């Protein structure tokens, strides 16, 4: 389970490095073509489920307030 969580975090935070790692693993023989295709298909499925939406003015205002609080060290 930990490996899956770490892989997902890695995939989300640095996707280009993640894809490069998959390529290296495939070239080294650690991943078969079938497993690589399965992983890439799962990634495509995950990416299709999420779409970026426009932020509402309330979220923008809240983000601004939080940033101001952090910058002014108000707790």
N, C-alpha and C. Protein backbone atom coordinates (compact mmCIF):
# COMPACT_ATOMS: atom_id res chain seq x y z
N UNK A 1 0.82 -1.19 0.00
CA UNK A 1 0.00 0.00 0.00
C UNK A 1 0.86 1.26 0.00
N UNK A 2 1.95 1.25 0.79
CA UNK A 2 2.82 2.43 0.85
C UNK A 2 3.46 2.72 -0.50
N UNK A 3 3.84 1.67 -1.20
CA UNK A 3 4.47 1.86 -2.50
C UNK A 3 3.48 2.52 -3.46
N UNK A 4 2.22 2.08 -3.42
CA UNK A 4 1.21 2.68 -4.28
C UNK A 4 0.98 4.14 -3.94
N UNK A 5 0.94 4.46 -2.65
CA UNK A 5 0.75 5.86 -2.24
C UNK A 5 1.93 6.74 -2.66
N UNK A 6 3.14 6.22 -2.47
CA UNK A 6 4.32 6.98 -2.87
C UNK A 6 4.37 7.17 -4.38
N UNK A 7 4.02 6.13 -5.12
CA UNK A 7 4.01 6.24 -6.58
C UNK A 7 2.98 7.27 -7.03
N UNK A 8 1.83 7.28 -6.40
CA UNK A 8 0.79 8.25 -6.77
C UNK A 8 1.22 9.67 -6.45
N UNK A 9 1.85 9.85 -5.31
CA UNK A 9 2.34 11.19 -4.96
C UNK A 9 3.41 11.64 -5.95
N UNK A 10 4.29 10.74 -6.29
CA UNK A 10 5.35 11.02 -7.26
C UNK A 10 4.75 11.39 -8.61
N UNK A 11 3.73 10.63 -9.03
CA UNK A 11 3.06 10.87 -10.31
C UNK A 11 2.41 12.24 -10.34
N UNK A 12 1.81 12.64 -9.23
CA UNK A 12 1.10 13.91 -9.18
C UNK A 12 2.04 15.11 -9.06
N UNK A 13 3.11 14.96 -8.30
CA UNK A 13 3.97 16.12 -8.04
C UNK A 13 4.99 16.37 -9.14
N UNK A 14 5.55 15.33 -9.71
CA UNK A 14 6.52 15.51 -10.80
C UNK A 14 6.24 14.50 -11.92
N UNK A 15 5.20 14.78 -12.69
CA UNK A 15 4.77 13.81 -13.70
C UNK A 15 5.81 13.50 -14.77
N UNK A 16 6.62 14.47 -15.16
CA UNK A 16 7.63 14.21 -16.19
C UNK A 16 8.69 13.23 -15.68
N UNK A 17 9.11 13.41 -14.44
CA UNK A 17 10.08 12.50 -13.84
C UNK A 17 9.47 11.11 -13.67
N UNK A 18 8.20 11.06 -13.33
CA UNK A 18 7.50 9.79 -13.18
C UNK A 18 7.51 9.02 -14.49
N UNK A 19 7.19 9.69 -15.59
CA UNK A 19 7.19 9.03 -16.89
C UNK A 19 8.59 8.60 -17.30
N UNK A 20 9.58 9.42 -16.96
CA UNK A 20 10.96 9.07 -17.25
C UNK A 20 11.38 7.83 -16.45
N UNK A 21 10.95 7.76 -15.20
CA UNK A 21 11.24 6.59 -14.37
C UNK A 21 10.61 5.33 -14.96
N UNK A 22 9.37 5.44 -15.42
CA UNK A 22 8.72 4.28 -16.04
C UNK A 22 9.50 3.82 -17.26
N UNK A 23 10.00 4.77 -18.04
CA UNK A 23 10.78 4.42 -19.23
C UNK A 23 12.07 3.70 -18.84
N UNK A 24 12.74 4.20 -17.82
CA UNK A 24 13.98 3.57 -17.35
C UNK A 24 13.70 2.16 -16.83
N UNK A 25 12.62 2.02 -16.08
CA UNK A 25 12.26 0.70 -15.56
C UNK A 25 11.94 -0.27 -16.70
N UNK A 26 11.29 0.22 -17.74
CA UNK A 26 10.98 -0.63 -18.89
C UNK A 26 12.27 -1.04 -19.61
N UNK A 27 13.16 -0.07 -19.82
CA UNK A 27 14.41 -0.36 -20.53
C UNK A 27 15.30 -1.32 -19.74
N UNK A 28 15.22 -1.25 -18.41
CA UNK A 28 16.05 -2.13 -17.59
C UNK A 28 15.45 -3.52 -17.44
N UNK A 29 14.21 -3.70 -17.88
CA UNK A 29 13.56 -4.99 -17.77
C UNK A 29 12.76 -5.18 -16.50
N UNK A 30 12.72 -4.16 -15.65
CA UNK A 30 11.95 -4.27 -14.41
C UNK A 30 10.45 -4.22 -14.67
N UNK A 31 10.05 -3.62 -15.79
CA UNK A 31 8.65 -3.57 -16.18
C UNK A 31 8.49 -4.23 -17.54
N UNK A 32 7.47 -5.05 -17.67
CA UNK A 32 7.19 -5.63 -18.98
C UNK A 32 6.34 -4.64 -19.77
N UNK A 33 6.25 -4.85 -21.07
CA UNK A 33 5.41 -3.99 -21.90
C UNK A 33 3.96 -4.01 -21.42
N UNK A 34 3.49 -5.19 -21.04
CA UNK A 34 2.12 -5.33 -20.57
C UNK A 34 1.88 -4.52 -19.30
N UNK A 35 2.79 -4.60 -18.34
CA UNK A 35 2.65 -3.83 -17.10
C UNK A 35 2.75 -2.33 -17.35
N UNK A 36 3.66 -1.94 -18.22
CA UNK A 36 3.80 -0.52 -18.54
C UNK A 36 2.52 0.01 -19.17
N UNK A 37 1.93 -0.72 -20.10
CA UNK A 37 0.67 -0.30 -20.72
C UNK A 37 -0.45 -0.23 -19.70
N UNK A 38 -0.46 -1.17 -18.77
CA UNK A 38 -1.48 -1.17 -17.72
C UNK A 38 -1.36 0.08 -16.84
N UNK A 39 -0.13 0.43 -16.48
CA UNK A 39 0.12 1.62 -15.65
C UNK A 39 -0.26 2.88 -16.41
N UNK A 40 0.15 2.98 -17.66
CA UNK A 40 -0.16 4.17 -18.46
C UNK A 40 -1.67 4.30 -18.70
N UNK A 41 -2.35 3.18 -18.90
CA UNK A 41 -3.81 3.21 -19.08
C UNK A 41 -4.50 3.69 -17.80
N UNK A 42 -4.01 3.23 -16.66
CA UNK A 42 -4.58 3.68 -15.38
C UNK A 42 -4.35 5.18 -15.20
N UNK A 43 -3.16 5.67 -15.58
CA UNK A 43 -2.88 7.10 -15.47
C UNK A 43 -3.81 7.92 -16.36
N UNK A 44 -4.03 7.43 -17.59
CA UNK A 44 -4.94 8.14 -18.49
C UNK A 44 -6.35 8.16 -17.92
N UNK A 45 -6.77 7.07 -17.32
CA UNK A 45 -8.09 7.01 -16.70
C UNK A 45 -8.23 8.00 -15.56
N UNK A 46 -7.20 8.10 -14.75
CA UNK A 46 -7.22 9.04 -13.62
C UNK A 46 -7.27 10.47 -14.14
N UNK A 47 -6.47 10.78 -15.16
CA UNK A 47 -6.43 12.14 -15.69
C UNK A 47 -7.74 12.55 -16.34
N UNK A 48 -8.48 11.61 -16.91
CA UNK A 48 -9.76 11.93 -17.53
C UNK A 48 -10.84 12.27 -16.51
N UNK A 49 -10.71 11.75 -15.31
CA UNK A 49 -11.73 11.97 -14.28
C UNK A 49 -11.69 13.39 -13.71
N UNK A 50 -10.56 14.05 -13.82
CA UNK A 50 -10.40 15.36 -13.20
C UNK A 50 -10.30 16.43 -14.27
N UNK A 51 -11.02 17.52 -14.04
CA UNK A 51 -10.92 18.67 -14.92
C UNK A 51 -10.69 19.90 -14.06
N UNK A 52 -9.98 20.84 -14.60
CA UNK A 52 -9.72 22.07 -13.87
C UNK A 52 -10.92 22.99 -14.03
N UNK A 53 -11.34 23.58 -12.94
CA UNK A 53 -12.47 24.49 -13.00
C UNK A 53 -12.00 25.89 -12.65
N UNK A 54 -12.79 26.86 -13.05
CA UNK A 54 -12.48 28.23 -12.69
C UNK A 54 -12.73 28.43 -11.21
N UNK A 55 -11.83 29.16 -10.57
CA UNK A 55 -12.00 29.43 -9.16
C UNK A 55 -13.08 30.49 -8.97
N UNK A 56 -13.86 30.31 -7.94
CA UNK A 56 -14.87 31.32 -7.64
C UNK A 56 -14.21 32.49 -6.94
N UNK A 57 -14.89 33.61 -6.93
CA UNK A 57 -14.32 34.79 -6.26
C UNK A 57 -14.18 34.55 -4.76
N UNK A 58 -15.02 33.70 -4.17
CA UNK A 58 -14.92 33.42 -2.74
C UNK A 58 -13.64 32.64 -2.42
N UNK A 59 -13.29 31.69 -3.27
CA UNK A 59 -12.06 30.93 -3.06
C UNK A 59 -10.86 31.84 -3.23
N UNK A 60 -10.89 32.70 -4.24
CA UNK A 60 -9.80 33.64 -4.46
C UNK A 60 -9.64 34.55 -3.24
N UNK A 61 -10.77 35.03 -2.70
CA UNK A 61 -10.73 35.91 -1.53
C UNK A 61 -10.17 35.17 -0.32
N UNK A 62 -10.58 33.93 -0.13
CA UNK A 62 -10.08 33.13 0.99
C UNK A 62 -8.58 32.89 0.86
N UNK A 63 -8.13 32.56 -0.35
CA UNK A 63 -6.70 32.35 -0.58
C UNK A 63 -5.91 33.61 -0.25
N UNK A 64 -6.43 34.76 -0.65
CA UNK A 64 -5.76 36.03 -0.38
C UNK A 64 -5.66 36.28 1.12
N UNK A 65 -6.74 36.01 1.84
CA UNK A 65 -6.73 36.20 3.30
C UNK A 65 -5.73 35.28 3.98
N UNK A 66 -5.68 34.04 3.56
CA UNK A 66 -4.75 33.08 4.15
C UNK A 66 -3.31 33.49 3.88
N UNK A 67 -3.02 33.91 2.66
CA UNK A 67 -1.67 34.37 2.32
C UNK A 67 -1.29 35.59 3.14
N UNK A 68 -2.21 36.53 3.31
CA UNK A 68 -1.93 37.71 4.13
C UNK A 68 -1.65 37.34 5.57
N UNK A 69 -2.42 36.40 6.10
CA UNK A 69 -2.22 35.96 7.48
C UNK A 69 -0.84 35.33 7.63
N UNK A 70 -0.48 34.48 6.69
CA UNK A 70 0.82 33.81 6.75
C UNK A 70 1.96 34.83 6.65
N UNK A 71 1.83 35.76 5.72
CA UNK A 71 2.90 36.76 5.52
C UNK A 71 3.04 37.68 6.71
N UNK A 72 1.95 37.95 7.42
CA UNK A 72 2.00 38.84 8.57
C UNK A 72 2.17 38.09 9.89
N UNK A 73 2.34 36.75 9.79
CA UNK A 73 2.52 35.90 10.97
C UNK A 73 1.41 36.08 11.99
N UNK A 74 0.19 36.25 11.51
CA UNK A 74 -0.96 36.38 12.39
C UNK A 74 -1.53 34.99 12.60
N UNK A 75 -1.62 34.60 13.84
CA UNK A 75 -2.16 33.27 14.13
C UNK A 75 -3.34 33.39 15.06
